[in-house]
N, C-alpha and C. Protein backbone atom coordinates (compact mmCIF):
# COMPACT_ATOMS: atom_id res chain seq x y z
N UNK A 1 69.58 79.99 59.69
CA UNK A 1 70.32 81.14 59.83
C UNK A 1 71.28 81.14 61.02
N UNK A 2 72.49 81.19 61.10
CA UNK A 2 73.62 80.84 61.81
C UNK A 2 73.35 81.69 63.44
N UNK A 3 73.32 80.97 64.37
CA UNK A 3 73.34 81.47 65.56
C UNK A 3 74.52 82.58 66.00
N UNK A 4 73.46 83.99 66.71
CA UNK A 4 74.53 84.91 66.95
C UNK A 4 75.48 84.27 68.04
N UNK A 5 76.64 85.01 67.69
CA UNK A 5 77.75 84.91 68.87
C UNK A 5 77.09 85.60 70.41
N UNK A 6 77.31 85.10 71.41
CA UNK A 6 77.39 85.75 72.67
C UNK A 6 78.60 85.92 72.92
N UNK A 7 78.56 87.52 73.92
CA UNK A 7 79.78 87.70 74.44
C UNK A 7 80.10 86.96 75.63
N UNK A 8 79.06 86.24 76.39
CA UNK A 8 79.58 85.51 77.16
C UNK A 8 79.86 84.08 77.35
N UNK A 9 79.81 83.90 76.25
CA UNK A 9 79.96 82.35 75.27
C UNK A 9 81.83 82.11 75.71
N UNK A 10 82.06 83.23 75.62
CA UNK A 10 83.68 83.01 75.68
C UNK A 10 84.47 82.58 76.82
N UNK A 11 84.88 81.93 77.80
CA UNK A 11 85.17 82.10 78.98
C UNK A 11 86.74 81.32 78.82
N UNK A 12 87.60 82.26 79.64
CA UNK A 12 89.27 81.35 79.74
C UNK A 12 89.48 81.31 81.19
N UNK A 13 90.15 80.56 80.99
CA UNK A 13 90.53 79.89 82.74
C UNK A 13 92.12 80.48 82.80
N UNK A 14 92.71 81.32 83.80
CA UNK A 14 93.53 81.81 83.77
C UNK A 14 94.42 81.66 85.34
N UNK A 15 95.36 80.86 85.37
CA UNK A 15 95.76 80.90 86.75
C UNK A 15 96.46 82.02 87.93
N UNK A 16 96.32 82.90 87.27
CA UNK A 16 96.88 84.29 88.00
C UNK A 16 96.24 84.64 89.06
N UNK A 17 94.57 84.39 89.25
CA UNK A 17 93.93 84.51 90.17
C UNK A 17 93.91 83.39 91.32
N UNK A 18 95.40 82.15 90.67
CA UNK A 18 95.24 81.33 92.03
C UNK A 18 96.93 81.86 92.75
N UNK A 19 97.31 82.75 92.40
CA UNK A 19 98.59 83.13 92.79
C UNK A 19 99.38 83.20 94.06
N UNK A 20 98.32 83.97 95.03
CA UNK A 20 98.28 84.36 96.42
C UNK A 20 98.15 82.94 97.24
N UNK A 21 96.74 82.51 97.02
CA UNK A 21 96.74 81.50 97.74
C UNK A 21 97.63 80.29 97.70
N UNK A 22 97.81 80.22 96.41
CA UNK A 22 98.70 79.04 95.86
C UNK A 22 100.14 79.02 96.52
N UNK A 23 100.77 80.02 96.51
CA UNK A 23 102.37 80.61 96.89
C UNK A 23 102.01 80.17 98.74
N UNK A 24 101.42 80.69 99.11
CA UNK A 24 100.91 80.34 100.63
C UNK A 24 100.79 78.96 100.98
N UNK A 25 100.10 78.05 99.94
CA UNK A 25 99.56 77.09 100.37
C UNK A 25 100.89 76.07 100.23
N UNK A 26 101.56 75.96 99.25
CA UNK A 26 102.48 75.37 98.57
C UNK A 26 103.94 75.55 99.48
N UNK A 27 104.15 77.15 100.18
CA UNK A 27 105.12 77.20 100.94
C UNK A 27 104.45 76.40 102.46
N UNK A 28 103.56 76.73 102.30
CA UNK A 28 103.06 76.11 104.05
C UNK A 28 103.00 74.56 103.78
N UNK A 29 102.41 73.68 102.92
CA UNK A 29 102.71 72.36 102.77
C UNK A 29 104.23 71.43 103.02
N UNK A 30 105.15 72.33 101.99
CA UNK A 30 106.13 72.26 101.86
C UNK A 30 107.25 72.24 102.94
N UNK A 31 106.94 73.23 103.60
CA UNK A 31 107.74 73.55 105.03
C UNK A 31 107.04 72.90 105.77
N UNK A 32 106.03 72.12 106.07
CA UNK A 32 105.23 71.18 107.03
C UNK A 32 105.91 69.72 106.40
N UNK A 33 105.66 69.23 105.16
CA UNK A 33 106.21 68.21 105.14
C UNK A 33 107.41 67.65 105.58
N UNK A 34 108.34 68.66 105.10
CA UNK A 34 110.03 68.87 105.00
C UNK A 34 110.16 68.89 106.21
N UNK A 35 109.87 70.34 107.27
CA UNK A 35 110.81 70.53 108.50
C UNK A 35 110.53 69.10 109.59
N UNK A 36 108.69 68.67 109.58
CA UNK A 36 108.47 67.91 110.24
C UNK A 36 109.03 66.52 110.29
N UNK A 37 109.00 66.30 108.70
CA UNK A 37 109.95 65.02 108.55
C UNK A 37 110.94 65.27 108.88
N UNK A 38 112.14 66.00 108.60
CA UNK A 38 113.15 65.98 109.19
C UNK A 38 113.60 66.30 110.29
N UNK A 39 112.81 66.84 111.54
CA UNK A 39 112.90 66.85 112.81
C UNK A 39 112.54 65.62 113.15
N UNK A 40 111.54 64.54 112.76
CA UNK A 40 111.36 63.38 113.08
C UNK A 40 112.34 62.30 112.80
N UNK A 41 112.84 62.65 111.73
CA UNK A 41 114.05 62.05 111.08
C UNK A 41 115.15 62.22 112.20
N UNK A 42 115.77 63.57 112.49
CA UNK A 42 116.71 63.78 113.27
C UNK A 42 116.54 63.18 114.42
N UNK A 43 115.28 62.63 115.16
CA UNK A 43 115.05 62.04 116.36
C UNK A 43 115.04 61.29 116.62
N UNK A 44 114.45 60.28 115.40
CA UNK A 44 114.60 58.93 115.46
C UNK A 44 116.14 58.34 115.30
N UNK A 45 116.66 59.20 114.17
CA UNK A 45 117.84 58.38 113.93
C UNK A 45 119.03 58.66 115.37
N UNK A 46 118.52 59.50 116.31
CA UNK A 46 119.27 59.55 117.65
C UNK A 46 118.43 58.25 118.52
N UNK A 47 118.35 57.44 118.27
CA UNK A 47 117.37 56.56 118.60
C UNK A 47 116.59 56.77 119.87
N UNK A 48 115.94 57.74 119.63
CA UNK A 48 114.77 58.12 120.67
C UNK A 48 113.81 57.29 120.90
N UNK A 49 112.95 57.30 122.12
CA UNK A 49 112.04 56.37 122.10
C UNK A 49 110.81 56.92 121.07
N UNK A 50 109.56 56.15 120.69
CA UNK A 50 108.41 56.53 120.09
C UNK A 50 107.88 57.78 120.97
N UNK A 51 107.57 57.72 122.22
CA UNK A 51 107.17 58.85 122.61
C UNK A 51 107.87 60.48 122.53
N UNK A 52 109.34 59.81 122.41
CA UNK A 52 110.13 61.36 121.88
C UNK A 52 109.67 61.50 120.56
N UNK A 53 109.63 60.60 119.82
CA UNK A 53 109.77 61.19 118.70
C UNK A 53 108.47 61.75 118.33
N UNK A 54 107.20 61.25 118.29
CA UNK A 54 105.90 61.95 118.32
C UNK A 54 105.48 62.71 119.11
N UNK A 55 106.30 62.95 120.41
CA UNK A 55 105.96 64.76 121.08
C UNK A 55 106.85 65.65 120.59
N UNK A 56 108.24 65.39 119.91
CA UNK A 56 109.11 66.04 119.25
C UNK A 56 108.09 66.60 117.95
N UNK A 57 107.31 65.53 117.41
CA UNK A 57 106.75 65.78 115.83
C UNK A 57 105.45 66.54 116.16
N UNK A 58 104.69 66.36 117.23
CA UNK A 58 103.42 67.03 117.55
C UNK A 58 103.62 68.75 117.85
N UNK A 59 104.87 68.86 118.99
CA UNK A 59 105.32 70.33 119.26
C UNK A 59 106.00 70.84 117.78
N UNK A 60 106.81 70.19 116.91
CA UNK A 60 106.98 70.82 115.69
C UNK A 60 105.59 71.31 115.19
N UNK A 61 104.80 70.36 114.71
CA UNK A 61 103.60 70.53 114.19
C UNK A 61 103.01 72.08 114.59
N UNK A 62 102.53 72.10 115.54
CA UNK A 62 102.07 73.42 115.98
C UNK A 62 103.21 74.54 116.05
N UNK A 63 103.97 74.45 116.50
CA UNK A 63 105.05 75.20 116.49
C UNK A 63 105.32 76.19 115.33
N UNK A 64 105.42 75.18 114.29
CA UNK A 64 105.58 75.72 112.93
C UNK A 64 104.15 76.33 112.19
N UNK A 65 103.17 75.49 112.22
CA UNK A 65 102.29 76.23 111.48
C UNK A 65 102.12 77.49 112.49
N UNK A 66 102.12 77.87 113.24
CA UNK A 66 101.82 79.11 114.00
C UNK A 66 102.94 80.30 113.80
N UNK A 67 103.96 79.59 113.82
CA UNK A 67 105.06 80.23 112.74
C UNK A 67 105.11 80.74 111.42
N UNK A 68 104.96 79.99 110.83
CA UNK A 68 104.14 79.81 109.15
C UNK A 68 103.22 81.30 109.40
N UNK A 69 101.93 81.02 110.24
CA UNK A 69 101.19 81.90 109.82
C UNK A 69 101.18 83.36 110.34
N UNK A 70 102.15 83.38 111.41
CA UNK A 70 102.65 84.77 111.84
C UNK A 70 103.27 85.52 110.33
N UNK A 71 104.45 84.23 110.16
CA UNK A 71 105.34 85.19 109.37
C UNK A 71 104.57 85.56 108.36
N UNK A 72 103.70 84.65 107.61
CA UNK A 72 102.97 85.10 106.19
C UNK A 72 102.07 86.51 106.25
N UNK A 73 101.26 86.50 107.71
CA UNK A 73 100.67 87.84 108.09
C UNK A 73 101.42 88.69 108.11
N UNK A 74 102.60 88.92 109.14
CA UNK A 74 103.73 90.15 108.87
C UNK A 74 104.15 90.56 107.74
N UNK A 75 104.78 89.48 107.04
CA UNK A 75 105.28 89.73 105.44
C UNK A 75 104.34 90.38 104.63
N UNK A 76 103.01 89.99 104.77
CA UNK A 76 102.38 90.23 103.41
C UNK A 76 101.38 91.50 104.11
N UNK A 77 101.35 91.76 105.41
CA UNK A 77 100.71 93.08 105.87
C UNK A 77 102.07 94.28 105.45
N UNK A 78 102.95 93.80 105.31
CA UNK A 78 104.15 94.80 105.04
C UNK A 78 103.70 95.40 103.42
N UNK A 79 103.34 94.02 102.54
CA UNK A 79 103.02 94.59 101.22
C UNK A 79 102.16 95.15 101.05
N UNK A 80 101.36 95.18 102.14
CA UNK A 80 99.73 95.87 101.97
C UNK A 80 100.10 97.19 102.33
N UNK A 81 100.87 97.17 103.44
CA UNK A 81 100.88 98.92 103.83
C UNK A 81 101.65 99.32 102.62
N UNK A 82 102.48 98.95 101.89
CA UNK A 82 102.94 99.27 100.51
C UNK A 82 102.46 99.76 99.76
N UNK A 83 101.25 98.97 99.20
CA UNK A 83 100.36 99.21 98.27
C UNK A 83 99.54 100.25 98.81
N UNK A 84 99.35 100.40 100.10
CA UNK A 84 98.32 101.92 100.42
C UNK A 84 99.15 103.05 100.32
N UNK A 85 100.53 102.72 100.64
CA UNK A 85 101.48 104.09 100.65
C UNK A 85 101.62 104.85 99.34
N UNK A 86 101.77 103.66 98.46
CA UNK A 86 101.81 103.91 97.05
C UNK A 86 100.28 104.68 96.26
N UNK A 87 99.35 103.89 96.94
CA UNK A 87 97.55 104.58 96.22
C UNK A 87 97.67 105.99 96.78
N UNK A 88 98.33 106.41 98.23
CA UNK A 88 97.85 107.97 98.59
C UNK A 88 98.85 108.41 97.83
N UNK A 89 100.35 108.30 97.48
CA UNK A 89 100.73 109.04 96.71
C UNK A 89 100.40 109.37 95.35
N UNK A 90 99.84 108.24 94.99
CA UNK A 90 99.14 108.35 93.50
C UNK A 90 98.15 109.26 93.58
N UNK A 91 97.20 109.29 94.47
CA UNK A 91 96.04 109.65 94.47
C UNK A 91 96.46 111.15 94.71
N UNK A 92 97.35 111.88 95.48
CA UNK A 92 98.11 113.11 95.79
C UNK A 92 98.21 113.55 94.64
N UNK A 93 99.36 112.97 93.26
CA UNK A 93 99.88 113.65 92.63
C UNK A 93 98.70 113.65 91.50
N UNK A 94 97.50 112.49 91.66
CA UNK A 94 96.43 113.16 90.42
C UNK A 94 95.43 114.34 91.36
N UNK A 95 95.60 115.06 92.34
CA UNK A 95 94.59 115.57 92.65
C UNK A 95 95.71 117.25 92.34
N UNK A 96 97.26 116.96 92.50
CA UNK A 96 98.03 118.08 92.38
C UNK A 96 98.39 118.31 90.92
N UNK A 97 98.64 117.46 89.77
CA UNK A 97 98.80 117.29 88.59
C UNK A 97 97.89 116.54 87.88
N UNK A 98 96.71 116.86 87.42
CA UNK A 98 96.08 115.82 86.81
C UNK A 98 96.74 116.19 85.36
N UNK A 99 97.02 116.95 84.44
CA UNK A 99 97.50 117.14 83.35
C UNK A 99 98.42 116.44 83.09
N UNK A 100 99.65 116.44 84.00
CA UNK A 100 100.75 115.55 84.29
C UNK A 100 100.24 114.32 84.01
N UNK A 101 99.70 113.74 84.89
CA UNK A 101 99.44 112.28 85.21
C UNK A 101 98.41 112.08 83.63
N UNK A 102 97.67 112.51 83.44
CA UNK A 102 97.17 112.32 81.89
C UNK A 102 98.32 111.88 81.02
N UNK A 103 99.48 112.80 81.05
CA UNK A 103 100.42 112.60 79.87
C UNK A 103 101.35 111.35 80.47
N UNK A 104 101.05 111.09 82.00
CA UNK A 104 102.19 110.24 82.09
C UNK A 104 101.36 108.89 81.40
N UNK A 105 100.10 108.64 81.70
CA UNK A 105 99.66 107.77 81.23
C UNK A 105 99.06 107.35 79.92
N UNK A 106 98.92 108.37 79.24
CA UNK A 106 99.14 108.51 77.59
C UNK A 106 100.25 107.68 77.12
N UNK A 107 101.78 108.24 77.63
CA UNK A 107 102.67 107.69 77.47
C UNK A 107 102.94 106.13 77.47
N UNK A 108 102.40 105.83 78.79
CA UNK A 108 102.51 104.23 79.16
C UNK A 108 101.96 103.76 77.99
N UNK A 109 100.38 104.06 77.68
CA UNK A 109 99.69 103.26 76.64
C UNK A 109 100.37 103.52 74.91
N UNK A 110 101.02 104.52 74.95
CA UNK A 110 101.91 104.55 73.71
C UNK A 110 102.83 103.40 73.62
N UNK A 111 103.83 103.64 74.91
CA UNK A 111 104.84 102.51 75.22
C UNK A 111 104.45 101.10 74.68
N UNK A 112 103.06 100.98 75.03
CA UNK A 112 102.50 99.44 74.74
C UNK A 112 101.71 98.98 73.34
N UNK A 113 102.39 100.38 72.47
CA UNK A 113 102.11 100.12 71.08
C UNK A 113 100.52 100.69 70.49
N UNK A 114 100.01 101.41 71.38
CA UNK A 114 98.97 102.58 70.32
C UNK A 114 99.67 103.47 69.87
N UNK A 115 98.65 104.01 68.98
CA UNK A 115 98.78 105.34 68.58
C UNK A 115 98.90 106.56 69.14
N UNK A 116 99.63 107.65 69.24
CA UNK A 116 99.65 108.59 70.12
C UNK A 116 98.04 109.15 70.27
N UNK A 117 97.37 109.40 69.29
CA UNK A 117 96.11 109.75 68.97
C UNK A 117 95.22 109.05 70.09
N UNK A 118 95.26 107.62 69.66
CA UNK A 118 94.16 106.49 70.48
C UNK A 118 95.00 106.11 71.57
N UNK A 119 95.72 106.45 72.03
CA UNK A 119 96.51 106.13 73.70
C UNK A 119 96.22 107.47 74.15
N UNK A 120 96.32 108.75 73.51
CA UNK A 120 95.46 109.83 74.21
C UNK A 120 93.74 109.83 74.50
N UNK A 121 93.05 109.51 73.60
CA UNK A 121 91.83 108.97 73.54
C UNK A 121 91.43 108.13 74.72
N UNK A 122 92.17 107.50 74.98
CA UNK A 122 91.92 106.31 75.87
C UNK A 122 92.30 106.65 77.49
N UNK A 123 93.71 107.38 77.80
CA UNK A 123 93.97 107.77 78.71
C UNK A 123 92.52 108.81 79.08
N UNK A 124 92.21 109.83 78.12
CA UNK A 124 91.37 110.36 78.45
C UNK A 124 90.15 110.08 79.16
N UNK A 125 89.47 108.71 78.26
CA UNK A 125 88.73 108.21 78.86
C UNK A 125 88.63 107.67 80.52
N UNK A 126 89.73 107.07 80.64
CA UNK A 126 89.91 105.99 81.75
C UNK A 126 89.76 107.29 83.00
N UNK A 127 91.00 108.35 82.52
CA UNK A 127 90.92 109.28 83.43
C UNK A 127 89.66 109.77 84.20
N UNK A 128 88.63 109.88 82.93
CA UNK A 128 87.33 110.25 83.68
C UNK A 128 86.39 109.57 84.37
N UNK A 129 86.77 108.21 84.19
CA UNK A 129 85.93 107.31 84.75
C UNK A 129 86.59 106.52 86.03
N UNK A 130 87.78 106.61 86.04
CA UNK A 130 88.35 105.78 87.29
C UNK A 130 90.07 106.42 86.76
N UNK A 131 90.29 107.52 87.38
CA UNK A 131 92.14 108.11 87.20
C UNK A 131 92.44 106.68 87.87
N UNK A 132 92.32 107.33 89.49
CA UNK A 132 93.48 106.35 90.32
C UNK A 132 93.45 105.13 90.04
N UNK A 133 92.31 104.32 89.82
CA UNK A 133 92.47 102.77 89.30
C UNK A 133 93.26 102.96 88.18
N UNK A 134 92.97 103.24 87.00
CA UNK A 134 94.27 103.52 86.28
C UNK A 134 95.67 103.43 86.25
N UNK A 135 95.98 104.38 86.99
CA UNK A 135 97.00 104.49 87.40
C UNK A 135 97.72 103.74 88.00
N UNK A 136 96.99 103.19 89.46
CA UNK A 136 97.11 102.16 90.25
C UNK A 136 97.64 100.60 89.05
N UNK A 137 96.82 100.53 87.81
CA UNK A 137 96.49 99.20 87.55
C UNK A 137 98.03 99.41 86.16
N UNK A 138 97.99 100.50 85.44
CA UNK A 138 98.80 100.14 84.22
C UNK A 138 99.96 101.20 84.71
N UNK A 139 100.07 102.01 86.16
CA UNK A 139 101.55 102.83 85.99
C UNK A 139 102.28 101.27 87.10
N UNK A 140 101.76 101.02 88.41
CA UNK A 140 102.19 100.36 89.36
C UNK A 140 101.77 98.93 89.57
N UNK A 141 100.69 98.55 88.52
CA UNK A 141 100.93 96.73 88.10
C UNK A 141 99.95 96.28 89.53
N UNK A 142 99.15 97.27 90.32
CA UNK A 142 97.85 96.95 91.12
C UNK A 142 96.66 96.83 90.82
N UNK A 143 95.88 95.39 90.93
CA UNK A 143 95.03 95.12 90.62
C UNK A 143 94.53 94.08 91.54
N UNK A 144 92.98 93.67 91.52
CA UNK A 144 92.29 93.05 92.34
C UNK A 144 92.71 91.77 92.57
N UNK A 145 93.63 91.34 91.64
CA UNK A 145 94.10 89.91 91.71
C UNK A 145 95.49 89.79 92.27
N UNK A 146 96.46 90.84 92.05
CA UNK A 146 97.37 90.84 92.86
C UNK A 146 97.55 91.41 94.30
N UNK A 147 96.58 92.22 94.89
CA UNK A 147 96.29 92.74 96.13
C UNK A 147 96.72 92.12 97.24
N UNK A 148 97.49 92.28 97.93
CA UNK A 148 97.94 91.54 99.23
C UNK A 148 96.78 91.28 100.02
N UNK A 149 96.51 90.06 100.69
CA UNK A 149 96.08 89.88 101.74
C UNK A 149 96.10 88.78 102.78
N UNK A 150 96.50 89.55 103.76
CA UNK A 150 97.43 89.17 104.81
C UNK A 150 96.70 88.39 105.38
N UNK A 151 95.28 87.94 105.85
CA UNK A 151 95.10 87.10 106.54
C UNK A 151 94.34 85.89 105.75
N UNK A 152 94.46 85.91 104.50
CA UNK A 152 93.93 84.73 103.18
C UNK A 152 95.46 84.22 103.56
N UNK A 153 96.69 84.36 103.48
CA UNK A 153 97.95 84.27 103.35
C UNK A 153 98.13 83.44 105.17
N UNK A 154 97.66 84.08 105.95
CA UNK A 154 97.96 83.49 107.23
C UNK A 154 97.30 82.26 107.43
N UNK A 155 96.01 82.35 107.63
CA UNK A 155 95.54 80.92 107.39
C UNK A 155 95.58 79.73 106.47
N UNK A 156 96.00 80.27 105.38
CA UNK A 156 95.94 78.97 103.94
C UNK A 156 97.28 78.82 104.85
N UNK A 157 98.51 79.57 105.07
CA UNK A 157 99.73 78.72 105.09
C UNK A 157 99.81 77.84 106.97
N UNK A 158 99.00 78.50 107.76
CA UNK A 158 98.68 77.26 108.84
C UNK A 158 97.91 76.28 108.47
N UNK A 159 96.81 76.02 108.13
CA UNK A 159 96.14 74.96 107.84
C UNK A 159 97.35 74.19 106.83
N UNK A 160 97.60 74.72 105.71
CA UNK A 160 98.45 73.95 104.55
C UNK A 160 99.77 72.89 105.28
N UNK A 161 100.52 73.66 106.56
CA UNK A 161 101.60 73.30 107.25
C UNK A 161 100.80 72.28 107.88
N UNK A 162 99.88 72.04 108.91
CA UNK A 162 99.35 71.32 109.47
C UNK A 162 99.33 70.07 108.44
N UNK A 163 98.59 70.18 107.86
CA UNK A 163 97.93 69.23 106.70
C UNK A 163 99.66 68.38 105.87
N UNK A 164 100.79 69.67 105.90
CA UNK A 164 102.08 68.50 105.40
C UNK A 164 102.73 68.07 106.57
N UNK A 165 102.27 68.32 107.43
CA UNK A 165 102.72 67.63 108.42
C UNK A 165 102.73 66.50 109.13
N UNK A 166 101.16 66.57 108.75
CA UNK A 166 100.38 65.30 109.21
C UNK A 166 100.61 64.05 107.98
N UNK A 167 101.64 64.28 107.03
CA UNK A 167 102.12 62.75 106.57
C UNK A 167 103.36 62.22 107.00
N UNK A 168 104.45 63.03 107.36
CA UNK A 168 105.48 62.65 108.08
C UNK A 168 105.23 62.11 109.57
N UNK A 169 104.35 62.86 110.33
CA UNK A 169 103.81 62.13 111.94
C UNK A 169 102.99 61.35 112.02
N UNK A 170 102.34 60.70 111.01
CA UNK A 170 101.46 59.52 110.52
C UNK A 170 102.08 58.38 110.77
N UNK A 171 103.28 58.87 109.29
CA UNK A 171 104.22 57.41 109.51
C UNK A 171 104.60 57.07 110.82
N UNK A 172 105.42 58.21 111.48
CA UNK A 172 106.33 57.82 112.64
C UNK A 172 105.26 56.90 113.61
N UNK A 173 104.24 57.59 113.50
CA UNK A 173 102.99 56.88 114.49
C UNK A 173 103.06 55.57 114.29
N UNK A 174 102.83 55.31 113.06
CA UNK A 174 102.71 53.61 112.85
C UNK A 174 103.71 52.67 112.58
N UNK A 175 104.74 53.35 112.42
CA UNK A 175 105.69 52.26 112.06
C UNK A 175 106.79 51.83 113.10
N UNK A 176 107.37 50.91 113.01
CA UNK A 176 108.43 50.40 114.03
C UNK A 176 109.11 51.00 114.30
N UNK A 177 109.76 50.56 115.25
CA UNK A 177 111.33 51.18 116.08
C UNK A 177 111.72 51.14 115.10
N UNK A 178 112.54 50.06 114.40
CA UNK A 178 113.38 49.45 113.60
C UNK A 178 113.46 50.21 112.44
N UNK A 179 111.98 50.44 111.81
CA UNK A 179 111.79 51.11 110.38
C UNK A 179 111.31 52.34 110.67
N UNK A 180 111.27 53.23 111.78
CA UNK A 180 110.93 54.37 111.92
C UNK A 180 111.42 55.40 111.14
N UNK A 181 112.43 55.72 111.22
CA UNK A 181 113.36 56.69 110.44
C UNK A 181 113.47 56.32 109.19
N UNK A 182 113.61 55.26 108.37
CA UNK A 182 113.29 55.06 106.86
C UNK A 182 111.67 55.26 106.46
N UNK A 183 111.23 54.89 107.26
CA UNK A 183 109.60 55.04 106.75
C UNK A 183 109.27 56.78 107.03
N UNK A 184 109.99 57.39 107.82
CA UNK A 184 109.96 58.86 107.84
C UNK A 184 110.20 59.45 106.25
N UNK A 185 111.47 59.39 106.53
CA UNK A 185 112.48 59.47 105.28
C UNK A 185 111.58 59.61 103.81
N UNK A 186 111.38 58.23 103.74
CA UNK A 186 110.20 57.70 102.27
C UNK A 186 109.38 58.55 102.61
N UNK A 187 108.44 58.36 103.38
CA UNK A 187 107.07 59.68 103.38
C UNK A 187 106.92 61.00 103.10
N UNK A 188 108.23 61.43 103.87
CA UNK A 188 108.42 62.62 103.43
C UNK A 188 109.27 63.30 101.79
N UNK A 189 109.88 62.23 101.11
CA UNK A 189 110.60 62.56 100.47
C UNK A 189 109.03 62.12 99.21
N UNK A 190 108.60 61.04 99.42
CA UNK A 190 107.41 61.01 98.36
C UNK A 190 106.41 62.11 98.48
N UNK A 191 106.26 62.91 100.14
CA UNK A 191 105.07 63.45 99.80
C UNK A 191 105.71 64.93 98.96
N UNK A 192 107.38 64.95 99.38
CA UNK A 192 107.27 66.57 98.58
C UNK A 192 107.48 66.43 97.06
N UNK A 193 107.70 65.14 96.23
CA UNK A 193 107.67 64.72 95.34
C UNK A 193 105.94 65.13 94.83
N UNK A 194 105.09 64.46 95.61
CA UNK A 194 103.54 64.51 94.96
C UNK A 194 103.39 66.17 95.21
N UNK A 195 103.81 66.94 96.30
CA UNK A 195 103.38 68.30 96.43
C UNK A 195 103.98 69.28 95.12
N UNK A 196 105.37 68.86 95.09
CA UNK A 196 105.79 69.63 93.92
C UNK A 196 105.08 69.43 92.55
N UNK A 197 104.48 68.19 92.53
CA UNK A 197 103.84 67.93 90.96
C UNK A 197 102.43 68.67 91.39
N UNK A 198 101.83 68.56 92.38
CA UNK A 198 100.57 69.19 92.21
C UNK A 198 100.48 70.78 92.25
N UNK A 199 101.55 71.68 92.62
CA UNK A 199 101.78 73.21 92.63
C UNK A 199 102.16 73.22 91.12
N UNK A 200 102.76 72.42 90.30
CA UNK A 200 103.06 72.77 89.07
C UNK A 200 102.18 72.30 88.29
N UNK A 201 101.06 71.46 88.63
CA UNK A 201 100.07 71.28 87.96
C UNK A 201 99.21 72.53 88.06
N UNK A 202 98.66 72.79 89.13
CA UNK A 202 98.20 73.85 89.43
C UNK A 202 98.46 75.05 88.88
N UNK A 203 99.99 75.31 89.08
CA UNK A 203 100.55 76.66 88.33
C UNK A 203 100.89 76.61 86.36
N UNK A 204 100.36 75.76 86.20
CA UNK A 204 100.45 75.07 84.40
C UNK A 204 102.44 75.42 84.20
N UNK A 205 102.99 74.71 84.97
CA UNK A 205 104.50 74.75 84.83
C UNK A 205 104.53 72.65 84.59
N UNK A 206 105.80 72.81 84.42
CA UNK A 206 106.07 71.55 83.95
C UNK A 206 105.91 70.00 85.25
N UNK A 207 105.04 69.31 85.39
CA UNK A 207 105.08 68.58 86.40
C UNK A 207 106.78 67.80 87.25
N UNK A 208 107.05 67.37 86.09
CA UNK A 208 108.68 66.65 86.32
C UNK A 208 109.34 67.97 86.51
N UNK A 209 109.27 69.05 86.34
CA UNK A 209 110.97 69.82 86.96
C UNK A 209 110.05 70.49 88.34
N UNK A 210 108.74 70.50 88.61
CA UNK A 210 108.32 70.85 89.86
C UNK A 210 108.73 69.62 90.86
N UNK A 211 108.73 68.33 90.40
CA UNK A 211 108.46 67.33 91.41
C UNK A 211 110.05 67.08 91.76
N UNK A 212 111.29 67.35 90.33
CA UNK A 212 112.66 67.14 91.05
C UNK A 212 112.96 68.50 91.88
N UNK A 213 112.03 69.62 91.63
CA UNK A 213 112.72 70.73 92.31
C UNK A 213 112.75 70.46 93.80
N UNK A 214 111.96 70.06 94.54
CA UNK A 214 111.50 69.49 95.48
C UNK A 214 111.85 68.66 95.97
N UNK A 215 112.04 67.70 95.38
CA UNK A 215 112.32 66.34 95.67
C UNK A 215 113.89 66.64 95.94
N UNK A 216 114.75 67.43 95.30
CA UNK A 216 116.40 67.48 95.68
C UNK A 216 116.60 67.93 96.43
N UNK A 217 116.05 69.06 96.85
CA UNK A 217 116.22 69.99 98.02
C UNK A 217 115.62 69.57 99.43
N UNK A 218 114.77 68.95 99.29
CA UNK A 218 114.11 67.81 100.39
C UNK A 218 115.27 66.61 100.67
N UNK A 219 115.27 65.92 99.76
CA UNK A 219 116.58 65.07 99.84
C UNK A 219 117.88 65.33 100.81
N UNK A 220 118.31 66.70 100.80
CA UNK A 220 119.43 67.32 101.21
C UNK A 220 119.36 67.76 102.66
N UNK A 221 117.86 68.10 102.65
CA UNK A 221 117.79 68.48 103.79
C UNK A 221 117.57 67.41 105.10
N UNK A 222 116.53 66.32 104.31
CA UNK A 222 116.43 64.83 105.32
C UNK A 222 118.11 64.02 105.59
N UNK A 223 118.86 64.31 104.11
CA UNK A 223 120.28 63.73 104.50
C UNK A 223 121.02 64.68 105.71
N UNK A 224 120.99 65.61 106.08
CA UNK A 224 121.39 66.73 106.54
C UNK A 224 121.19 66.16 108.17
N UNK A 225 119.42 66.18 108.35
CA UNK A 225 119.27 65.68 109.59
C UNK A 225 119.34 64.58 110.05
N UNK A 226 119.65 63.42 108.92
CA UNK A 226 119.89 62.18 109.45
C UNK A 226 121.55 62.26 109.60
N UNK A 227 122.37 62.79 109.51
CA UNK A 227 123.63 62.77 109.65
C UNK A 227 124.05 63.24 110.90
N UNK A 228 123.12 64.75 111.38
CA UNK A 228 123.12 65.46 112.93
C UNK A 228 122.45 64.28 113.94
N UNK A 229 121.51 63.85 113.27
CA UNK A 229 120.91 63.09 114.61
C UNK A 229 121.59 61.56 114.88
N UNK A 230 122.13 61.50 113.86
CA UNK A 230 122.92 59.92 114.56
C UNK A 230 124.03 60.53 115.19
N UNK A 231 125.20 61.57 114.57
CA UNK A 231 126.31 61.89 115.44
C UNK A 231 125.47 62.20 116.56
N UNK A 232 124.54 62.79 117.11
CA UNK A 232 123.80 63.68 118.40
C UNK A 232 123.47 62.17 118.96
N UNK A 233 122.84 61.18 118.25
CA UNK A 233 122.68 59.89 119.41
C UNK A 233 124.12 59.12 119.77
N UNK A 234 125.10 59.12 118.94
CA UNK A 234 126.04 58.66 119.21
C UNK A 234 126.87 58.83 120.27
N UNK A 235 127.08 60.36 120.15
CA UNK A 235 127.61 61.20 121.46
C UNK A 235 127.06 60.74 122.71
N UNK A 236 126.04 61.28 122.78
CA UNK A 236 124.98 61.03 124.05
C UNK A 236 124.90 59.85 124.82
N UNK A 237 125.12 59.06 124.05
CA UNK A 237 124.48 57.45 123.83
C UNK A 237 126.23 56.79 124.84
């Protein structure tokens, strides 16, 4: 006798639930590696001492991590405020004109391919159980996965920036004076490639494309700071 299938056996792994923290983590780590590496390269190319390079790097790490955290908190808080405002508007419309909102929801399901009769049945049942939730989800695209989380974005950005910045900073601390600039540039570039590959892997995208996308932009930023640091060092010396 064949075993009966269970509704709990079918499991799917989707990456949409990673969107919030993945975006903040990748952005923070990428900025940590690139901005700190570029800062160290610029200072090192100006022929600064080891202590000056490391002081600049530590200051850049702390300031950058705090700035990223605050920026993410403010940005995502604004998104959360907008979500709350839309929720309040929708709740008011449901209270003032429930029949009109039912018609609107029915039209949404019809546009997605349901017959008029089935769309009306689905809309009526959802309106009876969770009218606001149905409209937020199907009319405005708001759900638990995409909900704005300011604190999560802030702390994720802070720690990911700090972790990213440790890569070029650690290399700068260990490298000799003669090779410090080159070592920082290589470590930063390799770190960016690795981060791009990891982000692409977690997001289900092409690893090669993700690496190149980050690497090309990072190489351009490193080249620019090297030129600026070299010119500045030659001017003041």
